[in-house]
Amino acid sequence: MSAARMATRTKVQCWLMNTTGHPLGFLPIDKEHEHNIKDTKVTFGTCGPNASWALMKKTSPAIPALRAVRKHTELQIRTLQQGLHHSDPLKEKDIEILHNTYIASNIHSQQDGREVKSKADGTTDV
């Protein structure tokens, strides 16, 4: 049996799904269902005095979009404490990644040539 045929058979008969679009991003449906339950109840769950089944019903369809926003934000800012996957924390490596990201962003470097055109553009000294 060829690899392509075996992959197709596994996807169809073993009930795998891929929500990432990556070739190796397939999960069993029951595991993906557990991810959905966790996101519905914990990660993007409703809480507080207005929490209700009706509100959960309204917010649940937005969970895939919220996941995408969270992932995009993390890839841009890189601030998760332990990365995107379960693993042992490596403080030194995480701090080095964060440090290199800050240096590459040039947030703290002076840029000559900028002018304050109006009073609203300026900042007050504290």
C-alpha atoms as a PDB file:
ATOM      1  CA  MET A   1       0.000   0.000   0.000  1.00  0.00           C
ATOM      2  CA  SER A   2       1.431   3.383  -0.984  1.00  0.00           C
ATOM      3  CA  ALA A   3       2.050   6.089   1.618  1.00  0.00           C
ATOM      4  CA  ALA A   4      -0.534   8.407   0.073  1.00  0.00           C
ATOM      5  CA  ARG A   5      -3.194   5.696   0.047  1.00  0.00           C
ATOM      6  CA  MET A   6      -2.375   4.718   3.631  1.00  0.00           C
ATOM      7  CA  ALA A   7      -2.597   8.360   4.721  1.00  0.00           C
ATOM      8  CA  THR A   8      -5.992   8.735   3.045  1.00  0.00           C
ATOM      9  CA  ARG A   9      -7.266   5.503   4.577  1.00  0.00           C
ATOM     10  CA  THR A  10      -6.082   6.579   8.048  1.00  0.00           C
ATOM     11  CA  LYS A  11      -7.725   9.994   7.718  1.00  0.00           C
ATOM     12  CA  VAL A  12     -11.025   8.552   6.541  1.00  0.00           C
ATOM     13  CA  GLN A  13     -11.305   5.402   8.652  1.00  0.00           C
ATOM     14  CA  CYS A  14      -9.599   6.494  11.855  1.00  0.00           C
ATOM     15  CA  TRP A  15     -11.564   9.728  12.221  1.00  0.00           C
ATOM     16  CA  LEU A  16      -8.739  12.216  12.245  1.00  0.00           C
ATOM     17  CA  MET A  17      -9.154  15.926  11.746  1.00  0.00           C
ATOM     18  CA  ASN A  18      -6.778  18.757  10.957  1.00  0.00           C
ATOM     19  CA  THR A  19      -7.587  22.272  12.133  1.00  0.00           C
ATOM     20  CA  THR A  20      -4.102  23.690  11.496  1.00  0.00           C
ATOM     21  CA  GLY A  21      -3.625  23.029   7.796  1.00  0.00           C
ATOM     22  CA  HIS A  22      -0.195  21.501   8.450  1.00  0.00           C
ATOM     23  CA  PRO A  23       0.500  18.072   6.912  1.00  0.00           C
ATOM     24  CA  LEU A  24       1.245  16.524  10.317  1.00  0.00           C
ATOM     25  CA  GLY A  25      -1.420  18.448  12.222  1.00  0.00           C
ATOM     26  CA  PHE A  26      -4.003  15.658  12.451  1.00  0.00           C
ATOM     27  CA  LEU A  27      -5.622  14.775  15.785  1.00  0.00           C
ATOM     28  CA  PRO A  28      -8.157  12.133  16.737  1.00  0.00           C
ATOM     29  CA  ILE A  29     -11.625  13.665  16.824  1.00  0.00           C
ATOM     30  CA  ASP A  30     -12.090  12.877  20.516  1.00  0.00           C
ATOM     31  CA  LYS A  31      -8.891  14.736  21.427  1.00  0.00           C
ATOM     32  CA  GLU A  32      -9.972  17.749  19.376  1.00  0.00           C
ATOM     33  CA  HIS A  33     -13.344  17.564  21.120  1.00  0.00           C
ATOM     34  CA  GLU A  34     -11.554  17.749  24.490  1.00  0.00           C
ATOM     35  CA  HIS A  35      -9.674  20.837  23.244  1.00  0.00           C
ATOM     36  CA  ASN A  36     -13.005  22.435  22.329  1.00  0.00           C
ATOM     37  CA  ILE A  37     -14.467  21.669  25.760  1.00  0.00           C
ATOM     38  CA  LYS A  38     -11.419  23.166  27.489  1.00  0.00           C
ATOM     39  CA  ASP A  39     -11.575  26.299  25.342  1.00  0.00           C
ATOM     40  CA  THR A  40     -15.316  26.662  25.906  1.00  0.00           C
ATOM     41  CA  LYS A  41     -15.127  26.233  29.680  1.00  0.00           C
ATOM     42  CA  VAL A  42     -11.665  27.500  30.639  1.00  0.00           C
ATOM     43  CA  THR A  43      -9.651  29.411  28.055  1.00  0.00           C
ATOM     44  CA  PHE A  44     -12.464  31.473  26.546  1.00  0.00           C
ATOM     45  CA  GLY A  45     -15.130  30.635  29.114  1.00  0.00           C
ATOM     46  CA  THR A  46     -17.746  33.020  30.342  1.00  0.00           C
ATOM     47  CA  CYS A  47     -17.521  34.037  33.960  1.00  0.00           C
ATOM     48  CA  GLY A  48     -18.994  36.569  36.304  1.00  0.00           C
ATOM     49  CA  PRO A  49     -22.554  37.507  37.134  1.00  0.00           C
ATOM     50  CA  ASN A  50     -23.668  37.537  33.478  1.00  0.00           C
ATOM     51  CA  ALA A  51     -22.381  34.040  32.681  1.00  0.00           C
ATOM     52  CA  SER A  52     -25.140  31.866  31.298  1.00  0.00           C
ATOM     53  CA  TRP A  53     -25.743  29.073  28.833  1.00  0.00           C
ATOM     54  CA  ALA A  54     -27.158  31.635  26.394  1.00  0.00           C
ATOM     55  CA  LEU A  55     -23.931  33.688  26.532  1.00  0.00           C
ATOM     56  CA  MET A  56     -21.826  30.537  26.131  1.00  0.00           C
ATOM     57  CA  LYS A  57     -23.935  29.623  23.094  1.00  0.00           C
ATOM     58  CA  LYS A  58     -23.231  33.053  21.587  1.00  0.00           C
ATOM     59  CA  THR A  59     -19.479  33.026  22.224  1.00  0.00           C
ATOM     60  CA  SER A  60     -18.738  29.393  21.278  1.00  0.00           C
ATOM     61  CA  PRO A  61     -18.752  29.954  17.476  1.00  0.00           C
ATOM     62  CA  ALA A  62     -16.017  32.584  17.911  1.00  0.00           C
ATOM     63  CA  ILE A  63     -13.579  30.169  19.586  1.00  0.00           C
ATOM     64  CA  PRO A  64     -11.699  29.210  16.367  1.00  0.00           C
ATOM     65  CA  ALA A  65     -11.196  32.913  15.593  1.00  0.00           C
ATOM     66  CA  LEU A  66     -10.102  33.603  19.177  1.00  0.00           C
ATOM     67  CA  ARG A  67      -7.605  30.728  18.948  1.00  0.00           C
ATOM     68  CA  ALA A  68      -6.198  32.202  15.732  1.00  0.00           C
ATOM     69  CA  VAL A  69      -5.903  35.668  17.280  1.00  0.00           C
ATOM     70  CA  ARG A  70      -4.171  34.242  20.366  1.00  0.00           C
ATOM     71  CA  LYS A  71      -1.727  32.250  18.239  1.00  0.00           C
ATOM     72  CA  HIS A  72      -0.997  35.209  15.931  1.00  0.00           C
ATOM     73  CA  THR A  73      -0.440  37.520  18.901  1.00  0.00           C
ATOM     74  CA  GLU A  74       1.897  35.032  20.538  1.00  0.00           C
ATOM     75  CA  LEU A  75       3.906  34.614  17.339  1.00  0.00           C
ATOM     76  CA  GLN A  76       4.238  38.407  17.041  1.00  0.00           C
ATOM     77  CA  ILE A  77       5.008  39.270  20.673  1.00  0.00           C
ATOM     78  CA  ARG A  78       6.481  35.973  21.936  1.00  0.00           C
ATOM     79  CA  THR A  79       5.556  36.327  25.600  1.00  0.00           C
ATOM     80  CA  LEU A  80       4.181  32.936  26.586  1.00  0.00           C
ATOM     81  CA  GLN A  81       6.015  31.695  29.644  1.00  0.00           C
ATOM     82  CA  GLN A  82       6.642  28.133  28.450  1.00  0.00           C
ATOM     83  CA  GLY A  83       6.136  28.332  24.695  1.00  0.00           C
ATOM     84  CA  LEU A  84       3.271  26.850  22.709  1.00  0.00           C
ATOM     85  CA  HIS A  85       3.647  23.207  23.728  1.00  0.00           C
ATOM     86  CA  HIS A  86       3.788  21.267  26.968  1.00  0.00           C
ATOM     87  CA  SER A  87       7.392  20.913  27.986  1.00  0.00           C
ATOM     88  CA  ASP A  88       9.718  21.482  30.896  1.00  0.00           C
ATOM     89  CA  PRO A  89      10.308  25.205  31.406  1.00  0.00           C
ATOM     90  CA  LEU A  90      13.686  26.410  30.261  1.00  0.00           C
ATOM     91  CA  LYS A  91      14.043  29.825  31.886  1.00  0.00           C
ATOM     92  CA  GLU A  92      17.371  30.690  30.319  1.00  0.00           C
ATOM     93  CA  LYS A  93      16.199  29.851  26.805  1.00  0.00           C
ATOM     94  CA  ASP A  94      12.885  31.725  27.245  1.00  0.00           C
ATOM     95  CA  ILE A  95      14.664  34.796  28.618  1.00  0.00           C
ATOM     96  CA  GLU A  96      17.163  34.694  25.748  1.00  0.00           C
ATOM     97  CA  ILE A  97      14.331  34.519  23.178  1.00  0.00           C
ATOM     98  CA  LEU A  98      12.501  37.422  24.837  1.00  0.00           C
ATOM     99  CA  HIS A  99      15.741  39.450  25.102  1.00  0.00           C
ATOM    100  CA  ASN A 100      16.574  38.886  21.416  1.00  0.00           C
ATOM    101  CA  THR A 101      13.020  39.859  20.434  1.00  0.00           C
ATOM    102  CA  TYR A 102      13.279  43.154  22.316  1.00  0.00           C
ATOM    103  CA  ILE A 103      16.665  43.914  20.781  1.00  0.00           C
ATOM    104  CA  ALA A 104      15.412  43.120  17.264  1.00  0.00           C
ATOM    105  CA  SER A 105      12.360  45.378  17.713  1.00  0.00           C
ATOM    106  CA  ASN A 106      14.524  48.495  18.363  1.00  0.00           C
ATOM    107  CA  ILE A 107      11.979  49.758  20.874  1.00  0.00           C
ATOM    108  CA  HIS A 108      14.614  51.274  23.146  1.00  0.00           C
ATOM    109  CA  SER A 109      16.871  52.811  20.487  1.00  0.00           C
ATOM    110  CA  GLN A 110      16.884  56.525  19.777  1.00  0.00           C
ATOM    111  CA  GLN A 111      15.709  57.567  16.323  1.00  0.00           C
ATOM    112  CA  ASP A 112      17.131  60.909  15.207  1.00  0.00           C
ATOM    113  CA  GLY A 113      15.122  63.039  12.836  1.00  0.00           C
ATOM    114  CA  ARG A 114      11.707  62.694  14.447  1.00  0.00           C
ATOM    115  CA  GLU A 115       9.943  65.997  15.002  1.00  0.00           C
ATOM    116  CA  VAL A 116       7.087  67.001  17.249  1.00  0.00           C
ATOM    117  CA  LYS A 117       4.644  68.703  14.889  1.00  0.00           C
ATOM    118  CA  SER A 118       1.976  69.593  17.422  1.00  0.00           C
ATOM    119  CA  LYS A 119       1.648  69.765  21.166  1.00  0.00           C
ATOM    120  CA  ALA A 120      -0.451  66.550  21.107  1.00  0.00           C
ATOM    121  CA  ASP A 121       2.482  64.623  19.563  1.00  0.00           C
ATOM    122  CA  GLY A 122       4.839  65.474  22.405  1.00  0.00           C
ATOM    123  CA  THR A 123       5.223  63.918  25.839  1.00  0.00           C
ATOM    124  CA  THR A 124       5.539  65.575  29.212  1.00  0.00           C
ATOM    125  CA  ASP A 125       8.528  64.978  31.446  1.00  0.00           C
ATOM    126  CA  VAL A 126       7.645  63.431  34.764  1.00  0.00           C
END
